[in-house]
Protein backbone atom coordinates (compact mmCIF):
# COMPACT_ATOMS: atom_id res chain seq x y z
CA UNK A 1 0.00 0.00 0.00
CA UNK A 2 1.47 3.32 -1.08
CA UNK A 3 1.82 5.91 1.69
CA UNK A 4 0.28 9.33 1.06
CA UNK A 5 2.97 12.00 1.04
CA UNK A 6 3.01 14.28 4.05
CA UNK A 7 2.43 17.54 2.07
CA UNK A 8 -0.73 16.08 0.53
CA UNK A 9 -2.00 14.96 3.92
CA UNK A 10 -1.39 18.46 5.29
CA UNK A 11 -3.20 20.05 2.37
CA UNK A 12 -6.21 17.72 2.74
CA UNK A 13 -6.29 18.36 6.49
CA UNK A 14 -6.19 22.12 5.94
CA UNK A 15 -9.00 21.88 3.39
CA UNK A 16 -11.15 19.85 5.79
CA UNK A 17 -10.48 22.25 8.66
CA UNK A 18 -11.27 25.24 6.44
CA UNK A 19 -14.47 23.57 5.22
CA UNK A 20 -15.49 22.85 8.81
CA UNK A 21 -14.83 26.46 9.83
CA UNK A 22 -16.81 27.79 6.88
CA UNK A 23 -19.68 25.42 7.63
CA UNK A 24 -19.66 26.42 11.30
CA UNK A 25 -19.65 30.11 10.39
CA UNK A 26 -22.47 29.62 7.89
CA UNK A 27 -24.57 27.76 10.46
CA UNK A 28 -23.92 30.46 13.07
CA UNK A 29 -24.89 33.28 10.72
CA UNK A 30 -27.86 31.38 9.33
CA UNK A 31 -29.40 30.39 12.65
CA UNK A 32 -28.28 33.28 14.88
CA UNK A 33 -28.06 36.36 12.63
CA UNK A 34 -30.14 36.06 9.48
CA UNK A 35 -33.73 37.31 10.05
CA UNK A 36 -35.97 34.27 9.71
CA UNK A 37 -38.06 32.30 12.14
CA UNK A 38 -40.25 29.22 12.18
CA UNK A 39 -42.25 30.74 15.02
CA UNK A 40 -44.90 32.60 13.04
CA UNK A 41 -48.66 32.76 13.48
CA UNK A 42 -51.50 33.84 11.24
CA UNK A 43 -53.48 36.47 13.14
CA UNK A 44 -56.79 38.23 12.59
CA UNK A 45 -58.99 40.68 14.45
CA UNK A 46 -62.06 39.03 15.98
CA UNK A 47 -65.14 41.11 16.77
CA UNK A 48 -67.31 39.77 19.56
CA UNK A 49 -70.92 40.22 18.46
CA UNK A 50 -73.23 40.79 21.42
CA UNK A 51 -76.83 42.02 21.64
CA UNK A 52 -77.43 45.50 23.03
CA UNK A 53 -80.66 44.33 24.71
CA UNK A 54 -81.60 41.17 26.59
CA UNK A 55 -84.18 38.74 25.27
CA UNK A 56 -85.05 35.35 23.82
CA UNK A 57 -83.55 34.35 20.48
CA UNK A 58 -86.29 33.87 17.89
CA UNK A 59 -84.22 33.47 14.71
CA UNK A 60 -80.65 32.50 13.86
CA UNK A 61 -79.88 33.49 10.28
CA UNK A 62 -76.19 32.62 10.09
CA UNK A 63 -74.37 29.31 10.13
CA UNK A 64 -71.07 28.51 11.78
CA UNK A 65 -68.04 29.34 9.60
CA UNK A 66 -70.25 31.17 7.08
CA UNK A 67 -69.04 34.23 5.19
CA UNK A 68 -71.10 37.29 6.12
CA UNK A 69 -71.17 40.85 4.84
CA UNK A 70 -71.50 44.13 6.68
CA UNK A 71 -75.15 44.88 7.43
CA UNK A 72 -76.28 41.26 7.05
CA UNK A 73 -78.81 40.07 9.65
CA UNK A 74 -77.27 37.53 12.01
CA UNK A 75 -80.00 36.76 14.54
CA UNK A 76 -83.10 38.30 16.08
CA UNK A 77 -84.58 38.56 19.57
CA UNK A 78 -88.20 38.44 20.74
CA UNK A 79 -89.84 41.79 19.88
CA UNK A 80 -93.37 41.98 21.47
CA UNK A 81 -92.12 43.29 24.83
CA UNK A 82 -90.12 46.02 23.11
CA UNK A 83 -93.09 46.99 20.91
CA UNK A 84 -95.19 47.40 24.08
CA UNK A 85 -92.48 49.65 25.53
CA UNK A 86 -92.65 51.81 22.40
CA UNK A 87 -96.45 52.07 22.67
CA UNK A 88 -96.20 52.97 26.34
CA UNK A 89 -93.64 55.69 25.65
CA UNK A 90 -95.77 57.06 22.79
CA UNK A 91 -98.80 57.24 25.13
CA UNK A 92 -96.78 59.01 27.84
CA UNK A 93 -95.52 61.56 25.32
CA UNK A 94 -99.03 62.16 24.01
CA UNK A 95 -100.32 62.74 27.55
CA UNK A 96 -97.59 65.27 28.27
CA UNK A 97 -98.20 67.02 24.94
CA UNK A 98 -101.92 67.31 25.67
CA UNK A 99 -101.25 68.69 29.15
CA UNK A 100 -98.84 71.27 27.69
CA UNK A 101 -101.42 72.44 25.14
CA UNK A 102 -103.99 72.88 27.92
CA UNK A 103 -101.50 74.77 30.09
CA UNK A 104 -100.67 77.13 27.24
CA UNK A 105 -104.36 77.87 26.62
CA UNK A 106 -104.88 78.61 30.32
CA UNK A 107 -101.80 80.84 30.36
CA UNK A 108 -103.04 82.75 27.30
CA UNK A 109 -106.48 83.24 28.92
CA UNK A 110 -104.89 84.51 32.15
CA UNK A 111 -102.87 87.08 30.21
CA UNK A 112 -105.98 88.13 28.28
CA UNK A 113 -107.90 88.81 31.51
CA UNK A 114 -105.19 91.15 32.69
CA UNK A 115 -105.55 92.46 36.22
CA UNK A 116 -108.56 90.22 36.86
CA UNK A 117 -106.15 87.31 37.40
CA UNK A 118 -103.74 87.45 40.32
CA UNK A 119 -100.06 87.77 39.40
CA UNK A 120 -99.30 84.64 41.41
CA UNK A 121 -101.69 82.60 39.24
CA UNK A 122 -100.07 83.92 36.07
CA UNK A 123 -96.63 83.06 37.41
CA UNK A 124 -97.75 79.55 38.36
CA UNK A 125 -99.17 79.05 34.87
CA UNK A 126 -95.85 80.00 33.26
CA UNK A 127 -93.97 77.69 35.64
CA UNK A 128 -96.33 74.85 34.80
CA UNK A 129 -95.60 75.31 31.10
CA UNK A 130 -91.85 75.09 31.74
CA UNK A 131 -92.28 71.93 33.78
CA UNK A 132 -94.41 70.31 31.11
CA UNK A 133 -91.89 71.25 28.40
CA UNK A 134 -89.15 69.56 30.44
CA UNK A 135 -91.40 66.53 30.96
CA UNK A 136 -92.02 66.33 27.19
CA UNK A 137 -88.27 66.42 26.56
CA UNK A 138 -87.83 63.48 28.94
CA UNK A 139 -90.76 61.60 27.41
CA UNK A 140 -89.27 62.14 23.94
CA UNK A 141 -85.98 60.63 25.09
CA UNK A 142 -87.82 57.65 26.57
CA UNK A 143 -89.71 57.13 23.32
CA UNK A 144 -86.53 57.32 21.22
CA UNK A 145 -84.80 54.92 23.60
CA UNK A 146 -87.69 52.45 23.35
CA UNK A 147 -87.62 52.63 19.56
CA UNK A 148 -83.85 52.12 19.57
CA UNK A 149 -84.20 49.05 21.81
CA UNK A 150 -86.77 47.67 19.37
CA UNK A 151 -84.38 48.20 16.48
CA UNK A 152 -81.56 46.53 18.43
CA UNK A 153 -83.54 43.29 18.70
CA UNK A 154 -82.21 42.51 15.22
CA UNK A 155 -78.43 42.08 15.26
CA UNK A 156 -76.51 42.84 12.08
CA UNK A 157 -72.94 42.08 11.07
CA UNK A 158 -70.75 45.13 11.84
CA UNK A 159 -68.20 44.21 9.14
CA UNK A 160 -67.29 41.74 6.43
CA UNK A 161 -65.92 38.50 7.82
CA UNK A 162 -66.53 34.90 8.78
CA UNK A 163 -68.85 33.84 11.60
CA UNK A 164 -67.06 31.74 14.20
CA UNK A 165 -68.35 29.61 17.06
CA UNK A 166 -72.05 30.13 16.33
CA UNK A 167 -73.61 28.18 19.17
CA UNK A 168 -76.93 30.01 19.69
CA UNK A 169 -80.36 28.56 18.93
CA UNK A 170 -83.97 29.80 18.98
CA UNK A 171 -85.15 29.85 22.57
CA UNK A 172 -81.79 30.76 24.08
CA UNK A 173 -81.87 33.79 26.38
CA UNK A 174 -79.14 36.32 25.67
CA UNK A 175 -78.00 39.00 28.08
CA UNK A 176 -77.12 42.47 26.85
CA UNK A 177 -73.40 42.86 26.36
CA UNK A 178 -72.60 39.15 26.54
CA UNK A 179 -70.94 37.92 23.30
CA UNK A 180 -73.07 35.53 21.28
CA UNK A 181 -70.59 34.73 18.49
CA UNK A 182 -67.29 35.83 17.01
CA UNK A 183 -66.75 37.52 13.67
CA UNK A 184 -63.30 37.15 12.12
CA UNK A 185 -62.45 40.30 10.18
CA UNK A 186 -61.54 39.10 6.71
CA UNK A 187 -59.55 42.26 5.99
CA UNK A 188 -57.31 41.98 9.05
CA UNK A 189 -55.47 38.74 8.22
CA UNK A 190 -51.75 39.10 8.85
CA UNK A 191 -48.78 37.12 10.10
CA UNK A 192 -46.88 37.77 13.32
CA UNK A 193 -43.34 36.43 13.33
CA UNK A 194 -41.65 36.10 16.71
CA UNK A 195 -38.00 36.97 16.05
CA UNK A 196 -35.13 36.63 18.49
CA UNK A 197 -33.88 39.99 19.69
CA UNK A 198 -30.44 39.23 18.23
CA UNK A 199 -31.98 39.45 14.74
CA UNK A 200 -33.89 42.70 15.13
CA UNK A 201 -31.01 44.83 13.85
CA UNK A 202 -31.52 43.24 10.43
CA UNK A 203 -35.25 44.04 10.31
CA UNK A 204 -36.72 47.39 9.29
CA UNK A 205 -40.29 48.50 8.70
CA UNK A 206 -41.03 48.18 5.00
CA UNK A 207 -38.66 45.27 4.36
CA UNK A 208 -39.93 42.60 2.01
CA UNK A 209 -40.99 39.35 3.70
CA UNK A 210 -41.90 35.85 2.56
CA UNK A 211 -44.29 33.59 4.46
CA UNK A 212 -44.74 29.85 4.10
CA UNK A 213 -47.50 28.16 6.07
CA UNK A 214 -46.85 24.78 7.63
CA UNK A 215 -48.25 22.08 5.35
CA UNK A 216 -48.67 24.48 2.43
CA UNK A 217 -46.01 24.78 -0.30
CA UNK A 218 -47.10 28.22 -1.50
CA UNK A 219 -44.95 31.17 -0.47
CA UNK A 220 -46.83 34.37 0.25
CA UNK A 221 -45.27 37.77 -0.23
CA UNK A 222 -45.64 40.64 2.20
CA UNK A 223 -43.77 43.38 3.98
CA UNK A 224 -42.87 44.29 7.54
CA UNK A 225 -45.63 46.55 8.81
CA UNK A 226 -44.49 47.14 12.39
CA UNK A 227 -42.35 45.88 15.25
CA UNK A 228 -43.83 45.46 18.73
CA UNK A 229 -42.81 48.34 21.06
CA UNK A 230 -42.53 46.11 24.12
CA UNK A 231 -43.10 42.69 25.70
CA UNK A 232 -43.92 41.54 29.21
CA UNK A 233 -41.08 41.60 31.78
CA UNK A 234 -41.50 38.26 33.54
CA UNK A 235 -38.80 39.03 36.13
CA UNK A 236 -40.65 42.05 37.50
CA UNK A 237 -44.06 42.38 39.10
CA UNK A 238 -45.87 44.88 41.31
CA UNK A 239 -45.72 44.14 45.03
CA UNK A 240 -48.46 44.71 47.58
CA UNK A 241 -47.25 48.29 48.12
CA UNK A 242 -46.93 48.84 44.33
CA UNK A 243 -43.12 48.80 44.48
CA UNK A 244 -41.26 46.72 41.88
CA UNK A 245 -40.95 43.08 42.93
CA UNK A 246 -37.74 42.02 41.16
CA UNK A 247 -36.61 38.40 40.99
CA UNK A 248 -33.56 38.14 43.31
CA UNK A 249 -31.97 35.34 41.28
CA UNK A 250 -30.42 35.65 37.83
CA UNK A 251 -29.63 32.79 35.48
CA UNK A 252 -26.40 33.24 33.56
CA UNK A 253 -27.79 31.12 30.75
CA UNK A 254 -30.19 33.52 29.08
CA UNK A 255 -32.25 32.80 25.98
CA UNK A 256 -32.86 35.62 23.55
CA UNK A 257 -36.26 37.23 23.94
CA UNK A 258 -38.67 36.88 21.04
CA UNK A 259 -40.17 40.10 19.71
CA UNK A 260 -43.37 40.12 17.59
CA UNK A 261 -42.87 41.50 14.07
CA UNK A 262 -46.06 42.10 12.12
CA UNK A 263 -46.06 41.18 8.43
CA UNK A 264 -48.82 42.52 6.20
CA UNK A 265 -49.54 40.19 3.29
CA UNK A 266 -49.60 41.81 -0.14
CA UNK A 267 -52.33 39.44 -1.40
CA UNK A 268 -54.22 37.69 1.43
CA UNK A 269 -56.51 36.01 -1.11
CA UNK A 270 -53.61 34.11 -2.71
CA UNK A 271 -53.51 30.34 -3.06
CA UNK A 272 -52.73 29.55 0.59
CA UNK A 273 -55.59 28.89 3.01
CA UNK A 274 -55.27 31.58 5.66
CA UNK A 275 -56.77 30.56 8.99
CA UNK A 276 -56.07 32.48 12.17
CA UNK A 277 -53.79 30.43 14.38
CA UNK A 278 -51.91 28.57 11.65
CA UNK A 279 -48.15 28.40 12.08
CA UNK A 280 -45.74 29.70 9.49
CA UNK A 281 -42.10 30.29 8.65
CA UNK A 282 -41.35 33.96 8.14
CA UNK A 283 -38.29 35.21 6.26
CA UNK A 284 -37.44 38.90 6.12
CA UNK A 285 -35.37 40.09 3.19
CA UNK A 286 -33.39 43.12 4.43
CA UNK A 287 -33.45 46.14 2.18
CA UNK A 288 -30.18 47.35 0.70
CA UNK A 289 -27.24 45.28 -0.58
CA UNK A 290 -28.42 42.13 1.21
CA UNK A 291 -31.86 42.21 -0.37
CA UNK A 292 -30.79 40.18 -3.43
CA UNK A 293 -29.64 37.31 -1.24
CA UNK A 294 -33.03 36.97 0.44
CA UNK A 295 -33.96 33.60 -1.02
CA UNK A 296 -30.86 32.10 0.54
CA UNK A 297 -32.30 32.69 3.99
CA UNK A 298 -34.64 29.75 3.68
CA UNK A 299 -33.59 26.84 5.93
CA UNK A 300 -34.19 24.32 3.13
């Protein structure tokens, strides 16, 4: 067996060492410096739809996971009690209006009689008119409020979106202000990528970003819309006397904090199925000279 000359062995060893160093440097830069993360989430604004009045559900006109449009009727509450309240308020307003008309006629007659009517009676007549005018103003408010409550027995969609967790049925009693269903705002879909703080120096608002959902091969394009201004400090809490309660121990092994970076998708209606809560890989392509190397940031 022919022995390999020493110079060749040295050259091969140097090449292997150099390759190992380059690979180690590439792995360090790729995983610790370059701005990409597998910790991404599809997010959306969810509006909690709740009735403004309490009552029994009489109709449910939307199905779970159905697409709805702004102004579309979602469900309705029992209306007879609210119609009676409107009739009662109308009757009270009519009574006050009739009393005011009578008081004005009496006041006009007292002024026409002149000195034959005591000044005190004239003054009382004018005061009665003012009181009735105030009572009519209150009765008008009560009538408008009753009519508004009647209108609020029909609940409409406040925006375009998708109905979520529709679990109400005719006969259910709903309390005013208590959410009955959720409405996912279709126009608010976005992706939040949680980047390690060591990578934030590479990320700027406006940078181009690429998103790939787990289980979906399509890559969505977007841009960095904002960076979170702060996160919770878990080592500090308020004490009983409102003074800072700081953790007395400190671990020398510290993991980098993850900061939310919001990515606005350029075309949310693209091929990928966007569902709030889905996980995603987010890659930010820094603007400037490094922008052309963006595709190389992908971990595969």
